[in-house]
Amino acid sequence: ELQNMAKLSPGGGRLSKRLNDLIEVGFIEEYVPWDRSRGEYYKLI
């Protein structure tokens, strides 16, 4: 969803870097909902 809404290319790696940067500084967190076995979700903290 983030990739589509932010209009970033799938193979560029920019989204991964930006998400990791935001996780490192504590703005967002990555999680897998309890009712799903896989898939990355991100939310503000």
All heavy atoms as atom14 arrays in JSON, in Angstrom:
{
  "sequence": "ELQNMAKLSPGGGRLSKRLNDLIEVGFIEEYVPWDRSRGEYYKLI",
  "atom14_mask": [
    [1, 1, 1, 1, 1, 1, 1, 1, 1, 0, 0, 0, 0, 0],
    [1, 1, 1, 1, 1, 1, 1, 1, 0, 0, 0, 0, 0, 0],
    [1, 1, 1, 1, 1, 1, 1, 1, 1, 0, 0, 0, 0, 0],
    [1, 1, 1, 1, 1, 1, 1, 1, 0, 0, 0, 0, 0, 0],
    [1, 1, 1, 1, 1, 1, 1, 1, 0, 0, 0, 0, 0, 0],
    [1, 1, 1, 1, 1, 0, 0, 0, 0, 0, 0, 0, 0, 0],
    [1, 1, 1, 1, 1, 1, 1, 1, 1, 0, 0, 0, 0, 0],
    [1, 1, 1, 1, 1, 1, 1, 1, 0, 0, 0, 0, 0, 0],
    [1, 1, 1, 1, 1, 1, 0, 0, 0, 0, 0, 0, 0, 0],
    [1, 1, 1, 1, 1, 1, 1, 0, 0, 0, 0, 0, 0, 0],
    [1, 1, 1, 1, 0, 0, 0, 0, 0, 0, 0, 0, 0, 0],
    [1, 1, 1, 1, 0, 0, 0, 0, 0, 0, 0, 0, 0, 0],
    [1, 1, 1, 1, 0, 0, 0, 0, 0, 0, 0, 0, 0, 0],
    [1, 1, 1, 1, 1, 1, 1, 1, 1, 1, 1, 0, 0, 0],
    [1, 1, 1, 1, 1, 1, 1, 1, 0, 0, 0, 0, 0, 0],
    [1, 1, 1, 1, 1, 1, 0, 0, 0, 0, 0, 0, 0, 0],
    [1, 1, 1, 1, 1, 1, 1, 1, 1, 0, 0, 0, 0, 0],
    [1, 1, 1, 1, 1, 1, 1, 1, 1, 1, 1, 0, 0, 0],
    [1, 1, 1, 1, 1, 1, 1, 1, 0, 0, 0, 0, 0, 0],
    [1, 1, 1, 1, 1, 1, 1, 1, 0, 0, 0, 0, 0, 0],
    [1, 1, 1, 1, 1, 1, 1, 1, 0, 0, 0, 0, 0, 0],
    [1, 1, 1, 1, 1, 1, 1, 1, 0, 0, 0, 0, 0, 0],
    [1, 1, 1, 1, 1, 1, 1, 1, 0, 0, 0, 0, 0, 0],
    [1, 1, 1, 1, 1, 1, 1, 1, 1, 0, 0, 0, 0, 0],
    [1, 1, 1, 1, 1, 1, 1, 0, 0, 0, 0, 0, 0, 0],
    [1, 1, 1, 1, 0, 0, 0, 0, 0, 0, 0, 0, 0, 0],
    [1, 1, 1, 1, 1, 1, 1, 1, 1, 1, 1, 0, 0, 0],
    [1, 1, 1, 1, 1, 1, 1, 1, 0, 0, 0, 0, 0, 0],
    [1, 1, 1, 1, 1, 1, 1, 1, 1, 0, 0, 0, 0, 0],
    [1, 1, 1, 1, 1, 1, 1, 1, 1, 0, 0, 0, 0, 0],
    [1, 1, 1, 1, 1, 1, 1, 1, 1, 1, 1, 1, 0, 0],
    [1, 1, 1, 1, 1, 1, 1, 0, 0, 0, 0, 0, 0, 0],
    [1, 1, 1, 1, 1, 1, 1, 0, 0, 0, 0, 0, 0, 0],
    [1, 1, 1, 1, 1, 1, 1, 1, 1, 1, 1, 1, 1, 1],
    [1, 1, 1, 1, 1, 1, 1, 1, 0, 0, 0, 0, 0, 0],
    [1, 1, 1, 1, 1, 1, 1, 1, 1, 1, 1, 0, 0, 0],
    [1, 1, 1, 1, 1, 1, 0, 0, 0, 0, 0, 0, 0, 0],
    [1, 1, 1, 1, 1, 1, 1, 1, 1, 1, 1, 0, 0, 0],
    [1, 1, 1, 1, 0, 0, 0, 0, 0, 0, 0, 0, 0, 0],
    [1, 1, 1, 1, 1, 1, 1, 1, 1, 0, 0, 0, 0, 0],
    [1, 1, 1, 1, 1, 1, 1, 1, 1, 1, 1, 1, 0, 0],
    [1, 1, 1, 1, 1, 1, 1, 1, 1, 1, 1, 1, 0, 0],
    [1, 1, 1, 1, 1, 1, 1, 1, 1, 0, 0, 0, 0, 0],
    [1, 1, 1, 1, 1, 1, 1, 1, 0, 0, 0, 0, 0, 0],
    [1, 1, 1, 1, 1, 1, 1, 1, 0, 0, 0, 0, 0, 0]
  ],
  "atom14_positions": [
    [[0.83, -1.2, 0.0], [0.0, 0.0, 0.0], [0.87, 1.26, 0.0], [0.6, 2.21, -0.74], [-0.91, 0.04, 1.23], [-2.02, -0.97, 1.22], [-2.82, -0.91, 2.5], [-2.25, -1.16, 3.57], [-4.03, -0.58, 2.41], [0.0, 0.0, 0.0], [0.0, 0.0, 0.0], [0.0, 0.0, 0.0], [0.0, 0.0, 0.0], [0.0, 0.0, 0.0]],
    [[1.89, 1.23, 0.82], [2.8, 2.38, 0.88], [3.48, 2.6, -0.47], [3.61, 3.73, -0.93], [3.88, 2.14, 1.93], [3.46, 2.3, 3.37], [4.57, 1.83, 4.3], [3.13, 3.74, 3.66], [0.0, 0.0, 0.0], [0.0, 0.0, 0.0], [0.0, 0.0, 0.0], [0.0, 0.0, 0.0], [0.0, 0.0, 0.0], [0.0, 0.0, 0.0]],
    [[3.89, 1.53, -1.08], [4.58, 1.63, -2.36], [3.68, 2.24, -3.41], [4.11, 3.1, -4.18], [5.03, 0.24, -2.79], [6.09, 0.23, -3.82], [6.73, -1.14, -3.92], [6.36, -2.07, -3.21], [7.69, -1.26, -4.79], [0.0, 0.0, 0.0], [0.0, 0.0, 0.0], [0.0, 0.0, 0.0], [0.0, 0.0, 0.0], [0.0, 0.0, 0.0]],
    [[2.42, 1.83, -3.45], [1.48, 2.38, -4.43], [1.15, 3.83, -4.16], [1.09, 4.65, -5.07], [0.2, 1.55, -4.46], [0.42, 0.19, -5.04], [1.35, -0.04, -5.8], [-0.43, -0.75, -4.67], [0.0, 0.0, 0.0], [0.0, 0.0, 0.0], [0.0, 0.0, 0.0], [0.0, 0.0, 0.0], [0.0, 0.0, 0.0], [0.0, 0.0, 0.0]],
    [[0.92, 4.16, -2.9], [0.52, 5.52, -2.56], [1.66, 6.51, -2.66], [1.46, 7.67, -3.0], [-0.09, 5.55, -1.16], [-1.39, 4.78, -1.1], [-2.1, 4.77, 0.53], [-2.95, 6.34, 0.49], [0.0, 0.0, 0.0], [0.0, 0.0, 0.0], [0.0, 0.0, 0.0], [0.0, 0.0, 0.0], [0.0, 0.0, 0.0], [0.0, 0.0, 0.0]],
    [[2.88, 6.06, -2.38], [4.04, 6.95, -2.45], [4.6, 7.02, -3.86], [5.47, 7.83, -4.15], [5.12, 6.49, -1.48], [0.0, 0.0, 0.0], [0.0, 0.0, 0.0], [0.0, 0.0, 0.0], [0.0, 0.0, 0.0], [0.0, 0.0, 0.0], [0.0, 0.0, 0.0], [0.0, 0.0, 0.0], [0.0, 0.0, 0.0], [0.0, 0.0, 0.0]],
    [[4.13, 6.13, -4.74], [4.55, 6.1, -6.14], [6.06, 5.94, -6.28], [6.73, 6.68, -6.97], [4.05, 7.34, -6.87], [2.54, 7.42, -6.92], [2.08, 8.67, -7.6], [0.58, 8.76, -7.69], [-0.15, 8.7, -6.47], [0.0, 0.0, 0.0], [0.0, 0.0, 0.0], [0.0, 0.0, 0.0], [0.0, 0.0, 0.0], [0.0, 0.0, 0.0]],
    [[6.59, 4.94, -5.59], [8.01, 4.62, -5.69], [8.2, 3.35, -6.5], [7.35, 2.47, -6.48], [8.62, 4.43, -4.3], [8.57, 5.64, -3.38], [8.99, 5.26, -1.99], [9.47, 6.75, -3.92], [0.0, 0.0, 0.0], [0.0, 0.0, 0.0], [0.0, 0.0, 0.0], [0.0, 0.0, 0.0], [0.0, 0.0, 0.0], [0.0, 0.0, 0.0]],
    [[9.31, 3.23, -7.16], [9.57, 2.04, -7.96], [9.85, 0.85, -7.05], [10.49, 0.98, -6.02], [10.76, 2.27, -8.88], [11.91, 2.54, -8.13], [0.0, 0.0, 0.0], [0.0, 0.0, 0.0], [0.0, 0.0, 0.0], [0.0, 0.0, 0.0], [0.0, 0.0, 0.0], [0.0, 0.0, 0.0], [0.0, 0.0, 0.0], [0.0, 0.0, 0.0]],
    [[9.38, -0.37, -7.43], [9.52, -1.53, -6.56], [10.95, -2.01, -6.39], [11.31, -2.55, -5.36], [8.67, -2.6, -7.24], [8.53, -2.17, -8.65], [8.64, -0.67, -8.65], [0.0, 0.0, 0.0], [0.0, 0.0, 0.0], [0.0, 0.0, 0.0], [0.0, 0.0, 0.0], [0.0, 0.0, 0.0], [0.0, 0.0, 0.0], [0.0, 0.0, 0.0]],
    [[11.81, -1.82, -7.35], [13.16, -2.36, -7.27], [14.23, -1.36, -6.9], [15.4, -1.67, -6.91], [0.0, 0.0, 0.0], [0.0, 0.0, 0.0], [0.0, 0.0, 0.0], [0.0, 0.0, 0.0], [0.0, 0.0, 0.0], [0.0, 0.0, 0.0], [0.0, 0.0, 0.0], [0.0, 0.0, 0.0], [0.0, 0.0, 0.0], [0.0, 0.0, 0.0]],
    [[13.84, -0.15, -6.56], [14.82, 0.9, -6.32], [15.5, 0.87, -4.97], [16.59, 1.37, -4.82], [0.0, 0.0, 0.0], [0.0, 0.0, 0.0], [0.0, 0.0, 0.0], [0.0, 0.0, 0.0], [0.0, 0.0, 0.0], [0.0, 0.0, 0.0], [0.0, 0.0, 0.0], [0.0, 0.0, 0.0], [0.0, 0.0, 0.0], [0.0, 0.0, 0.0]],
    [[14.85, 0.29, -3.97], [15.43, 0.23, -2.64], [15.25, 1.48, -1.81], [15.6, 1.52, -0.64], [0.0, 0.0, 0.0], [0.0, 0.0, 0.0], [0.0, 0.0, 0.0], [0.0, 0.0, 0.0], [0.0, 0.0, 0.0], [0.0, 0.0, 0.0], [0.0, 0.0, 0.0], [0.0, 0.0, 0.0], [0.0, 0.0, 0.0], [0.0, 0.0, 0.0]],
    [[14.69, 2.53, -2.41], [14.5, 3.77, -1.67], [13.47, 3.63, -0.58], [13.63, 4.17, 0.52], [14.11, 4.92, -2.6], [15.25, 5.32, -3.54], [14.83, 6.43, -4.43], [13.82, 5.88, -5.36], [13.03, 6.61, -6.11], [13.09, 7.92, -6.07], [12.17, 6.05, -6.93], [0.0, 0.0, 0.0], [0.0, 0.0, 0.0], [0.0, 0.0, 0.0]],
    [[12.4, 2.9, -0.84], [11.36, 2.72, 0.17], [11.92, 1.97, 1.37], [11.7, 2.37, 2.51], [10.16, 1.97, -0.41], [9.01, 1.7, 0.57], [8.45, 3.0, 1.12], [7.92, 0.9, -0.11], [0.0, 0.0, 0.0], [0.0, 0.0, 0.0], [0.0, 0.0, 0.0], [0.0, 0.0, 0.0], [0.0, 0.0, 0.0], [0.0, 0.0, 0.0]],
    [[12.67, 0.92, 1.13], [13.27, 0.14, 2.22], [14.18, 1.01, 3.07], [14.13, 0.97, 4.31], [14.07, -1.04, 1.68], [13.23, -1.94, 1.02], [0.0, 0.0, 0.0], [0.0, 0.0, 0.0], [0.0, 0.0, 0.0], [0.0, 0.0, 0.0], [0.0, 0.0, 0.0], [0.0, 0.0, 0.0], [0.0, 0.0, 0.0], [0.0, 0.0, 0.0]],
    [[15.01, 1.8, 2.43], [15.93, 2.66, 3.16], [15.17, 3.68, 4.0], [15.48, 3.89, 5.17], [16.88, 3.38, 2.21], [17.87, 4.27, 2.94], [18.67, 5.11, 2.0], [19.66, 6.03, 2.69], [19.28, 6.57, 3.96], [0.0, 0.0, 0.0], [0.0, 0.0, 0.0], [0.0, 0.0, 0.0], [0.0, 0.0, 0.0], [0.0, 0.0, 0.0]],
    [[14.17, 4.29, 3.41], [13.42, 5.31, 4.14], [12.64, 4.71, 5.3], [12.6, 5.29, 6.39], [12.49, 6.04, 3.18], [13.27, 6.92, 2.22], [12.39, 7.59, 1.21], [13.23, 8.36, 0.28], [12.91, 8.61, -0.96], [11.76, 8.19, -1.44], [13.71, 9.31, -1.72], [0.0, 0.0, 0.0], [0.0, 0.0, 0.0], [0.0, 0.0, 0.0]],
    [[12.04, 3.54, 5.09], [11.32, 2.89, 6.18], [12.28, 2.5, 7.3], [11.98, 2.69, 8.48], [10.55, 1.68, 5.66], [9.34, 1.98, 4.78], [8.79, 0.69, 4.18], [8.27, 2.72, 5.55], [0.0, 0.0, 0.0], [0.0, 0.0, 0.0], [0.0, 0.0, 0.0], [0.0, 0.0, 0.0], [0.0, 0.0, 0.0], [0.0, 0.0, 0.0]],
    [[13.43, 1.96, 6.95], [14.43, 1.59, 7.96], [14.92, 2.82, 8.73], [15.11, 2.76, 9.95], [15.6, 0.85, 7.34], [15.24, -0.56, 6.96], [14.36, -1.16, 7.54], [15.93, -1.09, 5.96], [0.0, 0.0, 0.0], [0.0, 0.0, 0.0], [0.0, 0.0, 0.0], [0.0, 0.0, 0.0], [0.0, 0.0, 0.0], [0.0, 0.0, 0.0]],
    [[15.12, 3.94, 8.03], [15.53, 5.17, 8.71], [14.47, 5.62, 9.71], [14.79, 6.0, 10.84], [15.77, 6.29, 7.69], [17.01, 6.08, 6.85], [17.86, 5.24, 7.22], [17.14, 6.77, 5.81], [0.0, 0.0, 0.0], [0.0, 0.0, 0.0], [0.0, 0.0, 0.0], [0.0, 0.0, 0.0], [0.0, 0.0, 0.0], [0.0, 0.0, 0.0]],
    [[13.2, 5.57, 9.31], [12.12, 5.98, 10.21], [11.98, 5.04, 11.4], [11.65, 5.47, 12.5], [10.8, 6.08, 9.43], [10.72, 7.23, 8.42], [9.47, 7.1, 7.56], [10.76, 8.58, 9.13], [0.0, 0.0, 0.0], [0.0, 0.0, 0.0], [0.0, 0.0, 0.0], [0.0, 0.0, 0.0], [0.0, 0.0, 0.0], [0.0, 0.0, 0.0]],
    [[12.25, 3.75, 11.19], [12.22, 2.79, 12.3], [13.35, 3.09, 13.28], [13.16, 3.09, 14.49], [12.32, 1.34, 11.76], [11.03, 0.96, 11.04], [12.6, 0.36, 12.89], [11.11, -0.33, 10.25], [0.0, 0.0, 0.0], [0.0, 0.0, 0.0], [0.0, 0.0, 0.0], [0.0, 0.0, 0.0], [0.0, 0.0, 0.0], [0.0, 0.0, 0.0]],
    [[14.54, 3.34, 12.74], [15.71, 3.59, 13.58], [15.55, 4.81, 14.49], [16.01, 4.8, 15.62], [16.97, 3.76, 12.72], [17.5, 2.46, 12.17], [18.77, 2.65, 11.36], [19.5, 3.64, 11.6], [19.01, 1.83, 10.48], [0.0, 0.0, 0.0], [0.0, 0.0, 0.0], [0.0, 0.0, 0.0], [0.0, 0.0, 0.0], [0.0, 0.0, 0.0]],
    [[14.89, 5.85, 13.99], [14.73, 7.05, 14.81], [13.47, 6.98, 15.69], [13.22, 7.88, 16.48], [14.74, 8.34, 13.97], [16.07, 8.54, 13.3], [13.61, 8.36, 12.96], [0.0, 0.0, 0.0], [0.0, 0.0, 0.0], [0.0, 0.0, 0.0], [0.0, 0.0, 0.0], [0.0, 0.0, 0.0], [0.0, 0.0, 0.0], [0.0, 0.0, 0.0]],
    [[12.68, 5.92, 15.54], [11.54, 5.71, 16.42], [10.25, 6.37, 16.0], [9.36, 6.55, 16.83], [0.0, 0.0, 0.0], [0.0, 0.0, 0.0], [0.0, 0.0, 0.0], [0.0, 0.0, 0.0], [0.0, 0.0, 0.0], [0.0, 0.0, 0.0], [0.0, 0.0, 0.0], [0.0, 0.0, 0.0], [0.0, 0.0, 0.0], [0.0, 0.0, 0.0]],
    [[10.1, 6.72, 14.73], [8.86, 7.32, 14.25], [7.81, 6.27, 13.9], [6.62, 6.5, 14.05], [9.1, 8.21, 13.04], [9.85, 9.48, 13.34], [10.53, 10.14, 12.34], [9.89, 10.02, 14.61], [11.22, 11.31, 12.6], [10.57, 11.18, 14.89], [11.24, 11.83, 13.87], [0.0, 0.0, 0.0], [0.0, 0.0, 0.0], [0.0, 0.0, 0.0]],
    [[8.26, 5.14, 13.38], [7.35, 4.06, 12.98], [7.87, 2.74, 13.52], [9.02, 2.65, 13.96], [7.16, 3.98, 11.44], [8.47, 3.59, 10.75], [6.59, 5.27, 10.88], [8.32, 3.28, 9.27], [0.0, 0.0, 0.0], [0.0, 0.0, 0.0], [0.0, 0.0, 0.0], [0.0, 0.0, 0.0], [0.0, 0.0, 0.0], [0.0, 0.0, 0.0]],
    [[7.0, 1.71, 13.46], [7.45, 0.37, 13.79], [6.92, -0.6, 12.74], [5.89, -0.37, 12.13], [7.0, -0.06, 15.19], [5.54, -0.33, 15.34], [5.2, -0.83, 16.74], [6.1, -1.06, 17.54], [4.0, -0.98, 17.0], [0.0, 0.0, 0.0], [0.0, 0.0, 0.0], [0.0, 0.0, 0.0], [0.0, 0.0, 0.0], [0.0, 0.0, 0.0]],
    [[7.67, -1.67, 12.55], [7.28, -2.73, 11.63], [6.73, -3.88, 12.46], [7.26, -4.22, 13.51], [8.51, -3.2, 10.86], [8.23, -4.32, 9.89], [9.51, -4.78, 9.18], [10.61, -4.32, 9.52], [9.38, -5.62, 8.31], [0.0, 0.0, 0.0], [0.0, 0.0, 0.0], [0.0, 0.0, 0.0], [0.0, 0.0, 0.0], [0.0, 0.0, 0.0]],
    [[5.63, -4.47, 11.99], [5.03, -5.58, 12.72], [4.25, -6.47, 11.77], [3.97, -6.09, 10.64], [4.13, -5.07, 13.85], [2.84, -4.45, 13.37], [1.64, -5.16, 13.44], [2.81, -3.17, 12.82], [0.46, -4.6, 12.98], [1.63, -2.61, 12.37], [0.46, -3.33, 12.45], [-0.7, -2.78, 12.0], [0.0, 0.0, 0.0], [0.0, 0.0, 0.0]],
    [[3.92, -7.66, 12.25], [3.05, -8.59, 11.53], [1.82, -8.78, 12.41], [1.95, -9.2, 13.56], [3.75, -9.94, 11.27], [2.81, -10.92, 10.59], [5.0, -9.75, 10.44], [0.0, 0.0, 0.0], [0.0, 0.0, 0.0], [0.0, 0.0, 0.0], [0.0, 0.0, 0.0], [0.0, 0.0, 0.0], [0.0, 0.0, 0.0], [0.0, 0.0, 0.0]],
    [[0.61, -8.44, 11.92], [-0.59, -8.61, 12.74], [-0.78, -10.05, 13.18], [-0.4, -10.99, 12.47], [-1.72, -8.18, 11.8], [-1.07, -7.34, 10.77], [0.33, -7.88, 10.62], [0.0, 0.0, 0.0], [0.0, 0.0, 0.0], [0.0, 0.0, 0.0], [0.0, 0.0, 0.0], [0.0, 0.0, 0.0], [0.0, 0.0, 0.0], [0.0, 0.0, 0.0]],
    [[-1.37, -10.24, 14.34], [-1.51, -11.58, 14.91], [-2.37, -12.5, 14.04], [-2.19, -13.7, 14.06], [-2.1, -11.51, 16.32], [-3.51, -11.02, 16.34], [-3.94, -9.73, 16.44], [-4.69, -11.82, 16.25], [-5.3, -9.67, 16.41], [-5.8, -10.95, 16.3], [-4.94, -13.18, 16.14], [-7.12, -11.39, 16.24], [-6.26, -13.62, 16.07], [-7.32, -12.73, 16.12]],
    [[-3.28, -11.96, 13.24], [-4.14, -12.8, 12.41], [-3.56, -13.09, 11.03], [-4.2, -13.71, 10.21], [-5.52, -12.17, 12.28], [-5.49, -10.8, 11.63], [-4.42, -10.16, 11.64], [-6.54, -10.35, 11.14], [0.0, 0.0, 0.0], [0.0, 0.0, 0.0], [0.0, 0.0, 0.0], [0.0, 0.0, 0.0], [0.0, 0.0, 0.0], [0.0, 0.0, 0.0]],
    [[-2.33, -12.66, 10.8], [-1.66, -12.92, 9.52], [-0.33, -13.6, 9.79], [0.35, -13.31, 10.76], [-1.43, -11.62, 8.77], [-2.7, -10.85, 8.54], [-2.48, -9.77, 7.53], [-3.53, -8.79, 7.51], [-4.69, -8.95, 6.9], [-4.95, -10.05, 6.26], [-5.6, -8.01, 6.93], [0.0, 0.0, 0.0], [0.0, 0.0, 0.0], [0.0, 0.0, 0.0]],
    [[0.04, -14.49, 8.91], [1.28, -15.22, 9.12], [2.49, -14.52, 8.49], [3.62, -14.83, 8.82], [1.16, -16.63, 8.56], [0.93, -16.58, 7.17], [0.0, 0.0, 0.0], [0.0, 0.0, 0.0], [0.0, 0.0, 0.0], [0.0, 0.0, 0.0], [0.0, 0.0, 0.0], [0.0, 0.0, 0.0], [0.0, 0.0, 0.0], [0.0, 0.0, 0.0]],
    [[2.24, -13.59, 7.6], [3.36, -12.9, 6.96], [2.89, -11.56, 6.41], [1.71, -11.25, 6.39], [3.95, -13.74, 5.85], [2.94, -14.08, 4.77], [3.57, -14.9, 3.71], [2.93, -14.54, 2.45], [2.99, -15.21, 1.36], [3.7, -16.3, 1.32], [2.4, -14.81, 0.27], [0.0, 0.0, 0.0], [0.0, 0.0, 0.0], [0.0, 0.0, 0.0]],
    [[3.82, -10.79, 5.96], [3.52, -9.47, 5.44], [3.94, -8.4, 6.41], [3.71, -8.49, 7.6], [0.0, 0.0, 0.0], [0.0, 0.0, 0.0], [0.0, 0.0, 0.0], [0.0, 0.0, 0.0], [0.0, 0.0, 0.0], [0.0, 0.0, 0.0], [0.0, 0.0, 0.0], [0.0, 0.0, 0.0], [0.0, 0.0, 0.0], [0.0, 0.0, 0.0]],
    [[4.59, -7.39, 5.89], [5.09, -6.31, 6.72], [4.06, -5.2, 6.79], [3.55, -4.75, 5.78], [6.39, -5.76, 6.15], [7.47, -6.8, 6.0], [8.52, -6.38, 4.99], [8.19, -5.63, 4.07], [9.66, -6.8, 5.14], [0.0, 0.0, 0.0], [0.0, 0.0, 0.0], [0.0, 0.0, 0.0], [0.0, 0.0, 0.0], [0.0, 0.0, 0.0]],
    [[3.77, -4.76, 8.0], [2.91, -3.61, 8.22], [3.73, -2.56, 8.96], [4.63, -2.89, 9.72], [1.69, -3.99, 9.08], [0.59, -4.66, 8.32], [0.75, -5.96, 7.84], [-0.6, -4.03, 8.08], [-0.27, -6.59, 7.16], [-1.62, -4.65, 7.39], [-1.46, -5.94, 6.93], [-2.45, -6.56, 6.24], [0.0, 0.0, 0.0], [0.0, 0.0, 0.0]],
    [[3.38, -1.31, 8.74], [4.08, -0.21, 9.4], [3.04, 0.71, 10.01], [2.01, 0.99, 9.41], [4.93, 0.57, 8.39], [5.99, -0.29, 7.77], [5.74, -0.98, 6.59], [7.23, -0.42, 8.35], [6.71, -1.79, 6.02], [8.22, -1.23, 7.79], [7.94, -1.89, 6.62], [8.89, -2.71, 6.07], [0.0, 0.0, 0.0], [0.0, 0.0, 0.0]],
    [[3.33, 1.19, 11.25], [2.43, 2.15, 11.88], [3.25, 3.15, 12.67], [4.4, 2.9, 13.06], [1.43, 1.45, 12.77], [1.99, 0.79, 14.0], [0.88, 0.18, 14.82], [1.43, -0.47, 16.07], [0.37, -1.02, 16.91], [0.0, 0.0, 0.0], [0.0, 0.0, 0.0], [0.0, 0.0, 0.0], [0.0, 0.0, 0.0], [0.0, 0.0, 0.0]],
    [[2.63, 4.29, 12.92], [3.27, 5.33, 13.72], [3.3, 4.93, 15.17], [2.39, 4.26, 15.66], [2.5, 6.65, 13.58], [2.52, 7.32, 12.21], [1.66, 8.57, 12.24], [3.93, 7.67, 11.81], [0.0, 0.0, 0.0], [0.0, 0.0, 0.0], [0.0, 0.0, 0.0], [0.0, 0.0, 0.0], [0.0, 0.0, 0.0], [0.0, 0.0, 0.0]],
    [[4.35, 5.34, 15.87], [4.41, 5.08, 17.31], [4.68, 6.37, 18.06], [5.06, 7.35, 17.5], [5.46, 4.02, 17.67], [6.81, 4.35, 17.05], [5.02, 2.67, 17.19], [7.91, 3.41, 17.51], [0.0, 0.0, 0.0], [0.0, 0.0, 0.0], [0.0, 0.0, 0.0], [0.0, 0.0, 0.0], [0.0, 0.0, 0.0], [0.0, 0.0, 0.0]]
  ]
}
